[in-house]
């Protein structure tokens, strides 16, 4: 079965950095795009970043453009989100996502808290 497992979240001060990882299993990872979403307390889940299956095309939400970088390692079945210059408004649960054969799959998320 499809599994997406996020890791790397934690508490970081404003201006700091974190690198999130998502390990995938149960499907042919290299054949599918991957995305990161986030959900802040009391808010709806929102798109953060996208990467194509071969990793040659990316897209970002305006709120993170220039600060976050999505990447993937198809040999390791993993996608990453490097987050720099973090702001308190980046505090959220971050989710890994992919659309496979018409279905959406999600991980359970990893909590990122940006606070001094």
C-alpha atoms as a PDB file:
ATOM      1  CA  UNK A   1       0.000   0.000   0.000  1.00  0.00           C
ATOM      2  CA  UNK A   2       1.045   3.582  -0.567  1.00  0.00           C
ATOM      3  CA  UNK A   3       2.827   5.108   2.401  1.00  0.00           C
ATOM      4  CA  UNK A   4       4.234   8.592   2.841  1.00  0.00           C
ATOM      5  CA  UNK A   5       6.164   9.275   6.043  1.00  0.00           C
ATOM      6  CA  UNK A   6       7.325  12.777   6.878  1.00  0.00           C
ATOM      7  CA  UNK A   7      10.111  13.661   9.292  1.00  0.00           C
ATOM      8  CA  UNK A   8      12.389  16.541  10.218  1.00  0.00           C
ATOM      9  CA  UNK A   9       9.980  18.911  11.895  1.00  0.00           C
ATOM     10  CA  UNK A  10      10.687  20.653  15.169  1.00  0.00           C
ATOM     11  CA  UNK A  11      11.075  23.956  16.972  1.00  0.00           C
ATOM     12  CA  UNK A  12      13.237  26.583  15.291  1.00  0.00           C
ATOM     13  CA  UNK A  13      13.857  30.274  15.901  1.00  0.00           C
ATOM     14  CA  UNK A  14      12.800  32.893  13.357  1.00  0.00           C
ATOM     15  CA  UNK A  15      15.419  33.126  10.635  1.00  0.00           C
ATOM     16  CA  UNK A  16      16.465  29.528  11.133  1.00  0.00           C
ATOM     17  CA  UNK A  17      16.365  26.547   8.814  1.00  0.00           C
ATOM     18  CA  UNK A  18      14.906  23.055   8.744  1.00  0.00           C
ATOM     19  CA  UNK A  19      14.963  20.249   6.221  1.00  0.00           C
ATOM     20  CA  UNK A  20      11.891  18.058   5.961  1.00  0.00           C
ATOM     21  CA  UNK A  21      11.980  14.586   4.456  1.00  0.00           C
ATOM     22  CA  UNK A  22       9.251  12.354   3.093  1.00  0.00           C
ATOM     23  CA  UNK A  23       9.965   8.683   2.502  1.00  0.00           C
ATOM     24  CA  UNK A  24       7.648   6.959   0.045  1.00  0.00           C
ATOM     25  CA  UNK A  25       6.798   3.315  -0.468  1.00  0.00           C
ATOM     26  CA  UNK A  26       4.203   1.135  -2.143  1.00  0.00           C
ATOM     27  CA  UNK A  27       4.317   2.750  -5.579  1.00  0.00           C
ATOM     28  CA  UNK A  28       6.755   3.551  -8.370  1.00  0.00           C
ATOM     29  CA  UNK A  29       8.025   6.763  -6.833  1.00  0.00           C
ATOM     30  CA  UNK A  30      10.033   7.968  -9.845  1.00  0.00           C
ATOM     31  CA  UNK A  31       6.859   8.004 -11.982  1.00  0.00           C
ATOM     32  CA  UNK A  32       4.856  10.511  -9.948  1.00  0.00           C
ATOM     33  CA  UNK A  33       5.010  14.163  -8.999  1.00  0.00           C
ATOM     34  CA  UNK A  34       5.246  15.071  -5.339  1.00  0.00           C
ATOM     35  CA  UNK A  35       3.972  18.039  -3.373  1.00  0.00           C
ATOM     36  CA  UNK A  36       4.276  19.568   0.064  1.00  0.00           C
ATOM     37  CA  UNK A  37       1.299  21.157   1.777  1.00  0.00           C
ATOM     38  CA  UNK A  38       0.915  22.713   5.210  1.00  0.00           C
ATOM     39  CA  UNK A  39      -1.869  23.433   7.645  1.00  0.00           C
ATOM     40  CA  UNK A  40      -1.529  26.097  10.289  1.00  0.00           C
ATOM     41  CA  UNK A  41      -3.686  26.040  13.434  1.00  0.00           C
ATOM     42  CA  UNK A  42      -7.207  27.155  12.618  1.00  0.00           C
ATOM     43  CA  UNK A  43      -6.514  27.431   8.896  1.00  0.00           C
ATOM     44  CA  UNK A  44      -7.141  25.326   5.812  1.00  0.00           C
ATOM     45  CA  UNK A  45      -4.444  23.156   4.300  1.00  0.00           C
ATOM     46  CA  UNK A  46      -2.479  25.068   1.672  1.00  0.00           C
ATOM     47  CA  UNK A  47      -0.104  24.205  -1.146  1.00  0.00           C
ATOM     48  CA  UNK A  48       3.586  24.838  -0.499  1.00  0.00           C
ATOM     49  CA  UNK A  49       5.671  23.267  -3.263  1.00  0.00           C
ATOM     50  CA  UNK A  50       5.571  20.872  -6.239  1.00  0.00           C
ATOM     51  CA  UNK A  51       8.201  18.815  -8.007  1.00  0.00           C
ATOM     52  CA  UNK A  52       7.804  16.812 -11.213  1.00  0.00           C
ATOM     53  CA  UNK A  53       8.528  13.092 -11.401  1.00  0.00           C
ATOM     54  CA  UNK A  54      12.047  13.473 -12.836  1.00  0.00           C
ATOM     55  CA  UNK A  55      12.697  16.496 -10.621  1.00  0.00           C
ATOM     56  CA  UNK A  56      13.296  18.970 -13.439  1.00  0.00           C
ATOM     57  CA  UNK A  57      10.298  21.188 -12.747  1.00  0.00           C
ATOM     58  CA  UNK A  58       9.300  22.861  -9.493  1.00  0.00           C
ATOM     59  CA  UNK A  59       6.672  25.329  -8.358  1.00  0.00           C
ATOM     60  CA  UNK A  60       6.154  27.220  -5.112  1.00  0.00           C
ATOM     61  CA  UNK A  61       3.534  29.158  -3.252  1.00  0.00           C
ATOM     62  CA  UNK A  62       4.290  32.876  -3.345  1.00  0.00           C
ATOM     63  CA  UNK A  63       4.610  32.913   0.440  1.00  0.00           C
ATOM     64  CA  UNK A  64       7.638  30.586   0.389  1.00  0.00           C
ATOM     65  CA  UNK A  65       9.242  31.430  -2.957  1.00  0.00           C
ATOM     66  CA  UNK A  66      12.930  32.227  -2.539  1.00  0.00           C
ATOM     67  CA  UNK A  67      13.069  30.688   0.947  1.00  0.00           C
ATOM     68  CA  UNK A  68      12.014  27.052   0.431  1.00  0.00           C
ATOM     69  CA  UNK A  69      13.470  24.503  -1.975  1.00  0.00           C
ATOM     70  CA  UNK A  70      11.855  21.198  -2.922  1.00  0.00           C
ATOM     71  CA  UNK A  71      14.010  18.346  -4.200  1.00  0.00           C
ATOM     72  CA  UNK A  72      13.817  14.595  -4.628  1.00  0.00           C
ATOM     73  CA  UNK A  73      16.039  11.536  -4.784  1.00  0.00           C
ATOM     74  CA  UNK A  74      14.366   8.899  -6.923  1.00  0.00           C
ATOM     75  CA  UNK A  75      17.002   6.336  -5.943  1.00  0.00           C
ATOM     76  CA  UNK A  76      15.985   6.739  -2.299  1.00  0.00           C
ATOM     77  CA  UNK A  77      12.226   7.198  -2.896  1.00  0.00           C
ATOM     78  CA  UNK A  78      12.372  10.448  -0.988  1.00  0.00           C
ATOM     79  CA  UNK A  79      11.332  14.067  -1.390  1.00  0.00           C
ATOM     80  CA  UNK A  80      12.701  16.926   0.651  1.00  0.00           C
ATOM     81  CA  UNK A  81      11.792  20.467   1.605  1.00  0.00           C
ATOM     82  CA  UNK A  82      14.656  22.754   2.601  1.00  0.00           C
ATOM     83  CA  UNK A  83      13.221  25.674   4.527  1.00  0.00           C
ATOM     84  CA  UNK A  84      15.374  28.741   5.139  1.00  0.00           C
ATOM     85  CA  UNK A  85      14.677  32.151   6.662  1.00  0.00           C
ATOM     86  CA  UNK A  86      11.770  30.692   8.579  1.00  0.00           C
ATOM     87  CA  UNK A  87       9.088  33.006   9.887  1.00  0.00           C
ATOM     88  CA  UNK A  88       6.521  32.525  12.672  1.00  0.00           C
ATOM     89  CA  UNK A  89       3.834  32.364   9.997  1.00  0.00           C
ATOM     90  CA  UNK A  90       5.504  29.211   8.632  1.00  0.00           C
ATOM     91  CA  UNK A  91       4.363  27.376  11.771  1.00  0.00           C
ATOM     92  CA  UNK A  92       2.205  24.477  10.611  1.00  0.00           C
ATOM     93  CA  UNK A  93       1.941  20.754  10.152  1.00  0.00           C
ATOM     94  CA  UNK A  94       3.668  19.925   6.866  1.00  0.00           C
ATOM     95  CA  UNK A  95       2.319  17.114   4.711  1.00  0.00           C
ATOM     96  CA  UNK A  96       3.752  15.147   1.829  1.00  0.00           C
ATOM     97  CA  UNK A  97       1.316  14.424  -1.024  1.00  0.00           C
ATOM     98  CA  UNK A  98       1.052  12.689  -4.362  1.00  0.00           C
ATOM     99  CA  UNK A  99      -1.666  11.910  -6.849  1.00  0.00           C
ATOM    100  CA  UNK A 100      -1.501   8.299  -7.983  1.00  0.00           C
ATOM    101  CA  UNK A 101      -3.930   6.770 -10.454  1.00  0.00           C
ATOM    102  CA  UNK A 102      -6.524   9.422  -9.720  1.00  0.00           C
ATOM    103  CA  UNK A 103      -6.268   9.175  -5.941  1.00  0.00           C
ATOM    104  CA  UNK A 104      -4.655  11.583  -3.488  1.00  0.00           C
ATOM    105  CA  UNK A 105      -2.331  10.174  -0.867  1.00  0.00           C
ATOM    106  CA  UNK A 106      -1.111  11.984   2.234  1.00  0.00           C
ATOM    107  CA  UNK A 107       1.352  11.392   4.993  1.00  0.00           C
ATOM    108  CA  UNK A 108       0.495  12.022   8.639  1.00  0.00           C
ATOM    109  CA  UNK A 109       2.523  15.212   8.718  1.00  0.00           C
ATOM    110  CA  UNK A 110       5.377  16.700  10.692  1.00  0.00           C
ATOM    111  CA  UNK A 111       5.006  19.747  12.931  1.00  0.00           C
ATOM    112  CA  UNK A 112       7.159  22.811  12.340  1.00  0.00           C
ATOM    113  CA  UNK A 113       7.074  25.511  14.992  1.00  0.00           C
ATOM    114  CA  UNK A 114       8.866  28.806  14.385  1.00  0.00           C
ATOM    115  CA  UNK A 115       9.142  30.740  17.610  1.00  0.00           C
ATOM    116  CA  UNK A 116      11.641  32.583  19.761  1.00  0.00           C
END
